[in-house]
N, C-alpha and C. Protein backbone atom coordinates (compact mmCIF):
# COMPACT_ATOMS: atom_id res chain seq x y z
N MET A 1 -88.70 80.71 137.41
CA MET A 1 -87.66 81.68 137.67
C MET A 1 -87.03 82.11 136.35
N ARG A 2 -86.89 83.37 136.16
CA ARG A 2 -86.36 83.94 134.93
C ARG A 2 -84.84 83.99 134.98
N GLU A 3 -84.24 83.59 133.89
CA GLU A 3 -82.78 83.59 133.82
C GLU A 3 -82.28 85.01 133.54
N ASN A 4 -81.27 85.44 134.28
CA ASN A 4 -80.72 86.77 134.12
C ASN A 4 -79.44 86.69 133.30
N ARG A 5 -79.51 87.14 132.06
CA ARG A 5 -78.37 87.03 131.15
C ARG A 5 -77.20 87.90 131.59
N PHE A 6 -77.48 89.07 132.14
CA PHE A 6 -76.41 89.96 132.57
C PHE A 6 -75.59 89.33 133.69
N GLU A 7 -76.27 88.74 134.66
CA GLU A 7 -75.56 88.09 135.76
C GLU A 7 -74.76 86.89 135.27
N ASN A 8 -75.33 86.11 134.35
CA ASN A 8 -74.60 84.98 133.79
C ASN A 8 -73.36 85.44 133.04
N SER A 9 -73.51 86.46 132.24
CA SER A 9 -72.36 86.99 131.48
C SER A 9 -71.29 87.52 132.43
N LEU A 10 -71.71 88.23 133.44
CA LEU A 10 -70.76 88.78 134.42
C LEU A 10 -70.02 87.65 135.15
N ALA A 11 -70.73 86.59 135.49
CA ALA A 11 -70.11 85.46 136.19
C ALA A 11 -69.08 84.76 135.29
N PHE A 12 -69.43 84.54 134.03
CA PHE A 12 -68.50 83.86 133.12
C PHE A 12 -67.29 84.73 132.80
N ILE A 13 -67.50 86.02 132.65
CA ILE A 13 -66.37 86.93 132.39
C ILE A 13 -65.44 86.97 133.60
N ALA A 14 -66.01 87.02 134.80
CA ALA A 14 -65.19 87.03 136.02
C ALA A 14 -64.41 85.73 136.16
N ALA A 15 -65.08 84.60 135.94
CA ALA A 15 -64.41 83.31 136.05
C ALA A 15 -63.30 83.17 135.01
N GLY A 16 -63.56 83.62 133.80
CA GLY A 16 -62.56 83.55 132.75
C GLY A 16 -61.35 84.42 133.03
N THR A 17 -61.61 85.62 133.53
CA THR A 17 -60.52 86.55 133.85
C THR A 17 -59.65 86.01 134.98
N ILE A 18 -60.28 85.51 136.02
CA ILE A 18 -59.52 84.97 137.15
C ILE A 18 -58.79 83.70 136.74
N GLY A 19 -59.46 82.84 135.98
CA GLY A 19 -58.83 81.61 135.52
C GLY A 19 -57.63 81.87 134.63
N PHE A 20 -57.77 82.83 133.72
CA PHE A 20 -56.66 83.18 132.83
C PHE A 20 -55.50 83.77 133.61
N SER A 21 -55.79 84.54 134.64
CA SER A 21 -54.73 85.11 135.47
C SER A 21 -53.99 84.03 136.26
N ILE A 22 -54.74 83.07 136.79
CA ILE A 22 -54.10 81.98 137.53
C ILE A 22 -53.26 81.12 136.59
N LEU A 23 -53.74 80.91 135.38
CA LEU A 23 -52.96 80.18 134.38
C LEU A 23 -51.66 80.92 134.05
N ALA A 24 -51.73 82.24 133.95
CA ALA A 24 -50.52 83.04 133.69
C ALA A 24 -49.54 82.94 134.86
N ILE A 25 -50.05 82.90 136.09
CA ILE A 25 -49.17 82.75 137.25
C ILE A 25 -48.45 81.40 137.19
N LEU A 26 -49.19 80.35 136.84
CA LEU A 26 -48.58 79.03 136.72
C LEU A 26 -47.54 78.99 135.60
N ILE A 27 -47.81 79.66 134.49
CA ILE A 27 -46.85 79.72 133.39
C ILE A 27 -45.58 80.44 133.82
N VAL A 28 -45.72 81.54 134.53
CA VAL A 28 -44.56 82.30 135.01
C VAL A 28 -43.75 81.46 135.99
N ALA A 29 -44.43 80.76 136.89
CA ALA A 29 -43.73 79.92 137.87
C ALA A 29 -42.99 78.77 137.18
N LEU A 30 -43.65 78.14 136.23
CA LEU A 30 -43.02 77.04 135.51
C LEU A 30 -41.85 77.52 134.67
N ALA A 31 -42.01 78.67 134.03
CA ALA A 31 -40.93 79.22 133.21
C ALA A 31 -39.73 79.61 134.06
N SER A 32 -39.97 80.10 135.25
CA SER A 32 -38.83 80.46 136.11
C SER A 32 -38.12 79.22 136.63
N LEU A 33 -38.87 78.14 136.87
CA LEU A 33 -38.24 76.89 137.30
C LEU A 33 -37.39 76.27 136.19
N LEU A 34 -37.87 76.38 134.96
CA LEU A 34 -37.18 75.77 133.83
C LEU A 34 -36.24 76.73 133.13
N LYS A 35 -36.09 77.92 133.69
CA LYS A 35 -35.18 78.95 133.16
C LYS A 35 -35.52 79.37 131.72
N PHE A 36 -36.81 79.46 131.41
CA PHE A 36 -37.25 79.94 130.11
C PHE A 36 -37.47 81.45 130.16
N GLN A 37 -37.27 82.11 129.04
CA GLN A 37 -37.58 83.53 128.91
C GLN A 37 -39.03 83.66 128.43
N ILE A 38 -39.81 84.47 129.11
CA ILE A 38 -41.19 84.70 128.70
C ILE A 38 -41.38 86.19 128.47
N PRO A 39 -42.32 86.56 127.61
CA PRO A 39 -42.57 87.99 127.36
C PRO A 39 -43.08 88.70 128.62
N GLY A 40 -42.79 89.97 128.70
CA GLY A 40 -43.20 90.76 129.85
C GLY A 40 -44.70 90.87 130.01
N ALA A 41 -45.43 90.76 128.90
CA ALA A 41 -46.89 90.87 128.97
C ALA A 41 -47.50 89.72 129.77
N VAL A 42 -46.87 88.55 129.71
CA VAL A 42 -47.39 87.40 130.46
C VAL A 42 -47.25 87.65 131.96
N ILE A 43 -46.19 88.34 132.36
CA ILE A 43 -46.00 88.65 133.77
C ILE A 43 -47.02 89.69 134.24
N LEU A 44 -47.44 90.57 133.35
CA LEU A 44 -48.38 91.63 133.73
C LEU A 44 -49.84 91.17 133.76
N ILE A 45 -50.15 90.05 133.12
CA ILE A 45 -51.54 89.59 133.06
C ILE A 45 -52.17 89.42 134.45
N PRO A 46 -51.51 88.74 135.40
CA PRO A 46 -52.13 88.61 136.73
C PRO A 46 -52.25 89.94 137.48
N LEU A 47 -51.34 90.85 137.20
CA LEU A 47 -51.41 92.15 137.90
C LEU A 47 -52.62 92.96 137.47
N ILE A 48 -53.11 92.71 136.28
CA ILE A 48 -54.29 93.40 135.78
C ILE A 48 -55.54 92.53 135.94
N GLY A 49 -55.40 91.23 135.66
CA GLY A 49 -56.54 90.33 135.64
C GLY A 49 -57.15 90.04 136.99
N LEU A 50 -56.33 89.85 138.00
CA LEU A 50 -56.88 89.51 139.31
C LEU A 50 -57.68 90.66 139.95
N PRO A 51 -57.17 91.91 139.92
CA PRO A 51 -58.02 93.00 140.44
C PRO A 51 -59.29 93.21 139.60
N LEU A 52 -59.17 93.03 138.28
CA LEU A 52 -60.35 93.15 137.42
C LEU A 52 -61.35 92.05 137.75
N GLY A 53 -60.87 90.84 137.97
CA GLY A 53 -61.76 89.74 138.36
C GLY A 53 -62.44 90.00 139.68
N PHE A 54 -61.70 90.59 140.64
CA PHE A 54 -62.30 90.93 141.93
C PHE A 54 -63.42 91.96 141.74
N LEU A 55 -63.16 92.96 140.92
CA LEU A 55 -64.20 93.98 140.67
C LEU A 55 -65.42 93.37 139.99
N LEU A 56 -65.20 92.43 139.08
CA LEU A 56 -66.32 91.78 138.40
C LEU A 56 -67.13 90.93 139.38
N VAL A 57 -66.46 90.23 140.28
CA VAL A 57 -67.18 89.44 141.29
C VAL A 57 -67.95 90.36 142.23
N PHE A 58 -67.35 91.47 142.59
CA PHE A 58 -68.03 92.45 143.45
C PHE A 58 -69.26 93.02 142.73
N ALA A 59 -69.13 93.33 141.44
CA ALA A 59 -70.27 93.82 140.67
C ALA A 59 -71.36 92.76 140.57
N LEU A 60 -70.97 91.49 140.44
CA LEU A 60 -71.94 90.40 140.40
C LEU A 60 -72.69 90.30 141.73
N LEU A 61 -71.96 90.47 142.82
CA LEU A 61 -72.59 90.44 144.14
C LEU A 61 -73.61 91.57 144.29
N ILE A 62 -73.24 92.76 143.86
CA ILE A 62 -74.14 93.91 143.97
C ILE A 62 -75.39 93.72 143.11
N THR A 63 -75.21 93.26 141.87
CA THR A 63 -76.38 93.06 141.00
C THR A 63 -77.28 91.96 141.54
N SER A 64 -76.70 90.94 142.15
CA SER A 64 -77.51 89.87 142.74
C SER A 64 -78.30 90.38 143.93
N ILE A 65 -77.68 91.20 144.76
CA ILE A 65 -78.38 91.76 145.93
C ILE A 65 -79.52 92.66 145.48
N ILE A 66 -79.28 93.48 144.47
CA ILE A 66 -80.31 94.39 143.97
C ILE A 66 -81.47 93.60 143.37
N ARG A 67 -81.17 92.53 142.61
CA ARG A 67 -82.23 91.73 141.99
C ARG A 67 -83.06 91.04 143.07
N LYS A 68 -82.42 90.49 144.08
CA LYS A 68 -83.17 89.80 145.14
C LYS A 68 -84.00 90.78 145.97
N ALA A 69 -83.51 92.01 146.15
CA ALA A 69 -84.29 93.01 146.88
C ALA A 69 -85.53 93.39 146.08
N ARG A 70 -85.38 93.48 144.76
CA ARG A 70 -86.54 93.82 143.92
C ARG A 70 -87.55 92.68 143.89
N GLU A 71 -87.08 91.44 143.92
CA GLU A 71 -87.98 90.29 143.91
C GLU A 71 -88.77 90.19 145.21
N ASN A 72 -88.18 90.61 146.32
CA ASN A 72 -88.85 90.49 147.62
C ASN A 72 -89.87 91.58 147.88
N LYS A 73 -89.88 92.61 147.06
CA LYS A 73 -90.86 93.70 147.27
C LYS A 73 -92.24 93.29 146.84
């Protein structure tokens, strides 16, 4: 079986984006509990990262379906 670099890259980018967004959510929650001031960019990271991660996972799903359809022909 041949390794598909594009799918691997897409999977790691999606996982990194979603993971970074979840980490930012935890930082915002912890900062609000401890009454720390955080930059506004940290609050915006999940608002951008989670939809981007969803689109990357959706693109990964589509590329996987297309590759498997080509393999079955």
